[in-house]
């Protein structure tokens, strides 16, 4: 049985990124699968599928939950009932281990791209961007960081505070100010929540930064573990809307539209740093289009 209280808390957590949310979903699924009575295969499978539907819908803009659910469904279709629980638990353990490893490995690769004594521009509160900047600081690169406050929830403020406390030179600005500050010395780093064959899904404000980089011929670098690759054929890219009261009071007659994520054309992304290497746009497209064929129980995607 799914821990509804913890699940709802997780579903309402819009200040952490895709990696942290997916990691917590793995833990919730582990507990829920253990509580299922697997001696009745038909009923157990039905319960498991309902759990996976809930996981997939917790954050439609994120690739991680959708891929996690797809991998588990592949096991439910193909693995003998007597082996299902241990195989599912092993899959979840491997996913958690991979996500933990990926942050450190991406940071190790990406910190080399941080300009020494240069300017880094970022937005939102990516766990991987934070790890990258801390690694660069520890290596003596000492970048100056401009961080968007990341409206409407302003998760960029505690993100900046954490970096400042670690000794980095960080300035928080209104999101709209950032594109105009992308100069010839700037490098933009963003965390990606999903990589499809033609777009990057990221926090609102990423697209203007990508356009600013194209105008100034500066790098727009996305950090994403390989589990964030998800083609359109496996899940449509739809706009999510959230509480309009975060934008404007609903009582004053103003119509408000609140979105957290936007779609950046992949042609505007300079490099994609993953735990498996630094990918080109073509590599992302190739992997996205191949993914449906790779979704097998003996080879989780």
Protein backbone atom coordinates (compact mmCIF):
# COMPACT_ATOMS: atom_id res chain seq x y z
CA UNK A 1 0.00 0.00 0.00
CA UNK A 2 1.32 3.42 -0.98
CA UNK A 3 2.03 5.78 1.89
CA UNK A 4 -0.46 8.44 0.80
CA UNK A 5 0.75 11.10 3.21
CA UNK A 6 4.34 10.87 2.02
CA UNK A 7 3.23 10.56 -1.59
CA UNK A 8 1.05 13.69 -1.43
CA UNK A 9 3.87 15.60 0.26
CA UNK A 10 6.17 14.54 -2.54
CA UNK A 11 3.58 15.43 -5.18
CA UNK A 12 3.34 18.96 -3.76
CA UNK A 13 7.10 19.45 -3.58
CA UNK A 14 7.84 21.85 -6.42
CA UNK A 15 11.10 23.29 -5.13
CA UNK A 16 13.33 20.25 -5.70
CA UNK A 17 14.39 18.92 -9.05
CA UNK A 18 13.75 15.74 -10.99
CA UNK A 19 16.65 13.76 -9.52
CA UNK A 20 15.57 14.23 -5.90
CA UNK A 21 11.90 13.54 -6.66
CA UNK A 22 12.67 10.36 -8.61
CA UNK A 23 14.97 9.11 -5.86
CA UNK A 24 12.20 9.53 -3.27
CA UNK A 25 9.70 7.79 -5.55
CA UNK A 26 12.01 4.78 -5.69
CA UNK A 27 11.92 4.56 -1.89
CA UNK A 28 8.14 4.90 -1.79
CA UNK A 29 7.69 2.19 -4.41
CA UNK A 30 10.07 -0.12 -2.53
CA UNK A 31 7.90 0.10 0.59
CA UNK A 32 4.66 -0.24 -1.39
CA UNK A 33 5.82 -3.30 -3.34
CA UNK A 34 6.88 -5.02 -0.12
CA UNK A 35 3.35 -4.53 1.27
CA UNK A 36 1.64 -6.22 -1.69
CA UNK A 37 0.48 -9.85 -1.29
CA UNK A 38 2.32 -11.42 -4.22
CA UNK A 39 0.84 -14.90 -3.65
CA UNK A 40 -2.18 -13.72 -5.69
CA UNK A 41 -0.42 -12.75 -8.96
CA UNK A 42 -3.41 -11.22 -10.75
CA UNK A 43 -4.43 -9.02 -7.83
CA UNK A 44 -0.83 -8.13 -7.02
CA UNK A 45 -0.15 -7.09 -10.61
CA UNK A 46 -3.27 -4.91 -10.66
CA UNK A 47 -2.21 -3.21 -7.41
CA UNK A 48 1.30 -2.66 -8.73
CA UNK A 49 0.01 -1.13 -11.96
CA UNK A 50 -2.13 1.35 -10.01
CA UNK A 51 0.94 2.34 -8.01
CA UNK A 52 2.91 2.88 -11.19
CA UNK A 53 0.15 5.02 -12.69
CA UNK A 54 0.32 7.26 -9.61
CA UNK A 55 4.11 7.49 -9.83
CA UNK A 56 4.04 8.38 -13.53
CA UNK A 57 1.50 11.14 -12.96
CA UNK A 58 3.20 12.76 -9.98
CA UNK A 59 5.20 15.07 -12.27
CA UNK A 60 4.40 14.67 -15.99
CA UNK A 61 7.16 17.09 -17.04
CA UNK A 62 9.86 14.88 -15.48
CA UNK A 63 11.33 11.98 -17.41
CA UNK A 64 12.53 10.04 -14.35
CA UNK A 65 9.17 8.94 -12.91
CA UNK A 66 7.85 7.93 -16.34
CA UNK A 67 10.92 5.82 -17.13
CA UNK A 68 10.87 4.28 -13.65
CA UNK A 69 7.23 3.26 -14.11
CA UNK A 70 7.92 1.92 -17.61
CA UNK A 71 10.78 -0.27 -16.39
CA UNK A 72 8.65 -1.69 -13.59
CA UNK A 73 5.78 -2.40 -16.01
CA UNK A 74 8.19 -4.27 -18.27
CA UNK A 75 9.01 -6.57 -15.34
CA UNK A 76 5.33 -7.08 -14.54
CA UNK A 77 4.70 -8.18 -18.14
CA UNK A 78 7.58 -10.59 -18.49
CA UNK A 79 8.99 -11.84 -15.18
CA UNK A 80 7.51 -14.98 -13.53
CA UNK A 81 5.31 -14.17 -10.53
CA UNK A 82 7.62 -16.03 -8.15
CA UNK A 83 10.51 -13.73 -9.09
CA UNK A 84 8.67 -10.43 -9.35
CA UNK A 85 9.19 -8.95 -5.90
CA UNK A 86 12.96 -9.55 -5.64
CA UNK A 87 13.45 -8.42 -9.24
CA UNK A 88 11.44 -5.23 -8.68
CA UNK A 89 13.27 -4.44 -5.45
CA UNK A 90 16.61 -5.00 -7.16
CA UNK A 91 15.54 -2.67 -9.97
CA UNK A 92 14.59 0.08 -7.49
CA UNK A 93 17.85 -0.34 -5.59
CA UNK A 94 19.79 -0.05 -8.85
CA UNK A 95 17.86 3.10 -9.81
CA UNK A 96 18.61 4.75 -6.46
CA UNK A 97 22.28 3.83 -6.72
CA UNK A 98 22.48 5.16 -10.27
CA UNK A 99 20.83 8.47 -9.35
CA UNK A 100 23.20 8.98 -6.42
CA UNK A 101 26.21 8.14 -8.55
CA UNK A 102 25.06 10.26 -11.47
CA UNK A 103 25.09 13.56 -9.58
CA UNK A 104 28.71 13.14 -8.52
CA UNK A 105 29.85 11.87 -11.92
CA UNK A 106 28.11 14.65 -13.84
CA UNK A 107 29.62 17.22 -11.48
CA UNK A 108 33.08 15.70 -12.06
CA UNK A 109 32.70 16.05 -15.82
CA UNK A 110 30.94 19.42 -15.83
CA UNK A 111 33.22 21.27 -13.40
CA UNK A 112 35.90 21.29 -16.10
CA UNK A 113 33.55 23.42 -18.21
CA UNK A 114 33.15 26.05 -15.48
CA UNK A 115 35.20 29.11 -16.49
CA UNK A 116 38.04 29.85 -14.06
CA UNK A 117 37.35 33.27 -12.53
CA UNK A 118 34.59 33.60 -15.13
CA UNK A 119 30.85 34.15 -14.95
CA UNK A 120 28.28 31.38 -14.50
CA UNK A 121 24.57 32.05 -14.99
CA UNK A 122 21.93 29.62 -13.77
CA UNK A 123 18.28 29.43 -12.75
CA UNK A 124 16.20 27.30 -10.37
CA UNK A 125 17.77 24.88 -7.88
CA UNK A 126 19.28 21.96 -9.76
CA UNK A 127 21.01 19.50 -7.44
CA UNK A 128 23.49 18.70 -10.20
CA UNK A 129 24.28 22.33 -11.00
CA UNK A 130 24.93 22.92 -7.31
CA UNK A 131 27.26 19.91 -7.12
CA UNK A 132 29.09 21.11 -10.25
CA UNK A 133 29.67 24.61 -8.89
CA UNK A 134 30.86 23.24 -5.55
CA UNK A 135 33.27 20.92 -7.37
CA UNK A 136 34.59 23.80 -9.48
CA UNK A 137 35.05 25.94 -6.37
CA UNK A 138 36.95 23.13 -4.63
CA UNK A 139 39.18 22.80 -7.71
CA UNK A 140 40.11 26.48 -7.45
CA UNK A 141 38.10 27.79 -10.40
CA UNK A 142 36.20 30.32 -8.23
CA UNK A 143 33.49 31.42 -10.69
CA UNK A 144 31.19 34.38 -10.06
CA UNK A 145 27.62 33.11 -10.10
CA UNK A 146 24.44 34.92 -11.14
CA UNK A 147 21.41 32.95 -9.95
CA UNK A 148 17.82 33.64 -10.91
CA UNK A 149 15.42 33.73 -7.99
CA UNK A 150 13.20 31.37 -10.01
CA UNK A 151 9.66 32.61 -9.75
CA UNK A 152 7.06 31.85 -8.63
CA UNK A 153 8.37 29.69 -5.78
CA UNK A 154 11.79 31.39 -5.60
CA UNK A 155 13.74 28.19 -5.02
CA UNK A 156 16.75 29.96 -6.46
CA UNK A 157 17.14 31.94 -3.24
CA UNK A 158 17.97 29.01 -0.91
CA UNK A 159 20.04 27.56 -3.76
CA UNK A 160 22.12 30.74 -3.81
CA UNK A 161 22.32 30.83 -0.02
CA UNK A 162 23.76 27.30 0.08
CA UNK A 163 26.44 28.21 -2.45
CA UNK A 164 27.28 31.43 -0.62
CA UNK A 165 27.68 29.54 2.64
CA UNK A 166 30.13 27.24 0.84
CA UNK A 167 32.26 30.25 -0.09
CA UNK A 168 31.13 31.02 -3.66
CA UNK A 169 30.50 34.56 -4.93
CA UNK A 170 26.78 34.48 -5.74
CA UNK A 171 24.33 37.22 -6.67
CA UNK A 172 20.57 36.58 -6.86
CA UNK A 173 18.64 38.48 -9.51
CA UNK A 174 15.15 38.65 -10.92
CA UNK A 175 14.77 36.00 -13.61
CA UNK A 176 14.06 38.59 -16.30
CA UNK A 177 17.42 40.28 -15.65
CA UNK A 178 19.54 37.23 -16.41
CA UNK A 179 19.44 37.08 -20.25
CA UNK A 180 20.75 40.63 -20.52
CA UNK A 181 23.74 39.69 -18.37
CA UNK A 182 24.87 36.82 -20.59
CA UNK A 183 28.05 38.45 -21.87
CA UNK A 184 31.12 37.24 -23.74
CA UNK A 185 32.51 35.85 -20.46
CA UNK A 186 29.40 33.97 -19.36
CA UNK A 187 28.57 30.27 -19.39
CA UNK A 188 25.03 29.13 -18.65
CA UNK A 189 24.41 25.91 -16.72
CA UNK A 190 20.90 24.52 -16.23
CA UNK A 191 19.51 21.27 -14.95
CA UNK A 192 17.28 19.41 -17.41
CA UNK A 193 14.13 17.69 -16.21
CA UNK A 194 13.66 15.85 -19.50
CA UNK A 195 15.45 15.43 -22.83
CA UNK A 196 13.29 14.46 -25.79
CA UNK A 197 14.55 13.98 -29.32
CA UNK A 198 14.13 17.69 -30.12
CA UNK A 199 13.63 19.65 -26.88
CA UNK A 200 14.91 20.11 -23.37
CA UNK A 201 12.29 20.49 -20.65
CA UNK A 202 13.51 22.79 -17.89
CA UNK A 203 12.40 25.37 -15.36
CA UNK A 204 10.68 28.45 -16.73
CA UNK A 205 13.35 30.98 -17.63
CA UNK A 206 15.68 28.52 -19.38
CA UNK A 207 14.49 29.44 -22.87
CA UNK A 208 15.41 33.15 -22.64
CA UNK A 209 18.84 32.15 -21.35
CA UNK A 210 19.31 29.79 -24.29
CA UNK A 211 18.36 32.58 -26.72
CA UNK A 212 20.78 34.95 -24.98
CA UNK A 213 23.56 32.39 -25.39
CA UNK A 214 22.76 32.01 -29.08
CA UNK A 215 22.91 35.81 -29.50
CA UNK A 216 26.26 36.14 -27.73
CA UNK A 217 27.73 32.84 -28.98
CA UNK A 218 28.18 31.56 -25.43
CA UNK A 219 27.72 27.97 -24.15
CA UNK A 220 24.30 26.86 -22.90
CA UNK A 221 25.14 23.65 -21.02
CA UNK A 222 22.52 21.20 -19.75
CA UNK A 223 23.24 18.78 -16.92
CA UNK A 224 21.11 15.63 -16.89
CA UNK A 225 21.50 11.99 -15.96
CA UNK A 226 20.83 9.58 -18.80
CA UNK A 227 17.47 8.54 -17.26
CA UNK A 228 16.09 11.94 -18.29
CA UNK A 229 16.08 10.95 -21.97
CA UNK A 230 12.46 10.22 -22.90
CA UNK A 231 11.09 10.41 -26.46
CA UNK A 232 7.72 11.84 -27.38
CA UNK A 233 6.55 8.37 -28.44
CA UNK A 234 6.72 7.19 -24.80
CA UNK A 235 5.07 10.26 -23.27
CA UNK A 236 3.63 13.41 -24.85
CA UNK A 237 5.19 16.73 -23.93
CA UNK A 238 2.29 18.64 -22.45
CA UNK A 239 2.15 21.91 -20.58
CA UNK A 240 1.55 21.59 -16.84
CA UNK A 241 -0.24 24.43 -15.08
CA UNK A 242 -0.22 25.12 -11.35
CA UNK A 243 -2.03 27.27 -8.81
CA UNK A 244 -2.66 30.67 -10.49
CA UNK A 245 -2.79 32.33 -7.06
CA UNK A 246 1.00 32.04 -6.98
CA UNK A 247 1.06 34.57 -9.82
CA UNK A 248 -1.87 36.87 -9.00
CA UNK A 249 -4.72 36.91 -6.45
CA UNK A 250 -7.73 35.15 -7.94
CA UNK A 251 -10.06 37.67 -6.26
CA UNK A 252 -9.01 40.72 -8.28
CA UNK A 253 -10.43 39.53 -11.59
CA UNK A 254 -7.07 39.09 -13.28
CA UNK A 255 -6.62 35.86 -15.23
CA UNK A 256 -3.32 34.22 -14.31
CA UNK A 257 -1.57 31.28 -15.95
CA UNK A 258 1.13 29.59 -13.86
CA UNK A 259 3.62 27.24 -15.50
CA UNK A 260 6.84 25.95 -13.95
CA UNK A 261 8.45 24.30 -16.97
CA UNK A 262 9.14 25.26 -20.57
CA UNK A 263 10.53 23.62 -23.67
CA UNK A 264 13.89 24.71 -25.08
CA UNK A 265 14.65 23.59 -28.65
CA UNK A 266 17.57 21.21 -28.50
CA UNK A 267 19.30 23.13 -31.30
CA UNK A 268 19.97 25.90 -28.73
CA UNK A 269 21.75 23.53 -26.33
CA UNK A 270 25.54 23.52 -26.70
CA UNK A 271 26.37 20.38 -24.71
CA UNK A 272 24.57 17.86 -22.54
CA UNK A 273 26.66 16.53 -19.66
CA UNK A 274 25.55 13.12 -18.38
CA UNK A 275 27.14 10.52 -16.14
CA UNK A 276 27.93 8.55 -19.30
CA UNK A 277 29.76 11.39 -21.04
CA UNK A 278 29.33 14.76 -22.72
CA UNK A 279 26.73 14.31 -25.45
CA UNK A 280 25.90 16.25 -28.56
CA UNK A 281 22.34 17.05 -29.58
CA UNK A 282 22.59 14.25 -32.14
CA UNK A 283 23.52 11.73 -29.46
CA UNK A 284 20.49 12.72 -27.38
CA UNK A 285 18.23 12.35 -30.39
CA UNK A 286 19.68 8.94 -31.26
CA UNK A 287 19.26 7.63 -27.73
CA UNK A 288 15.72 8.98 -27.45
CA UNK A 289 14.59 7.33 -30.67
CA UNK A 290 16.21 4.00 -29.72
CA UNK A 291 14.78 3.91 -26.22
CA UNK A 292 11.43 2.16 -26.88
CA UNK A 293 13.28 -0.84 -28.37
CA UNK A 294 15.51 -1.05 -25.30
CA UNK A 295 12.68 -1.30 -22.75
CA UNK A 296 13.17 -4.95 -21.81
CA UNK A 297 13.07 -6.56 -18.33
CA UNK A 298 16.59 -7.90 -18.75
CA UNK A 299 17.90 -4.51 -19.78
CA UNK A 300 16.16 -1.67 -17.93
CA UNK A 301 16.30 1.62 -19.83
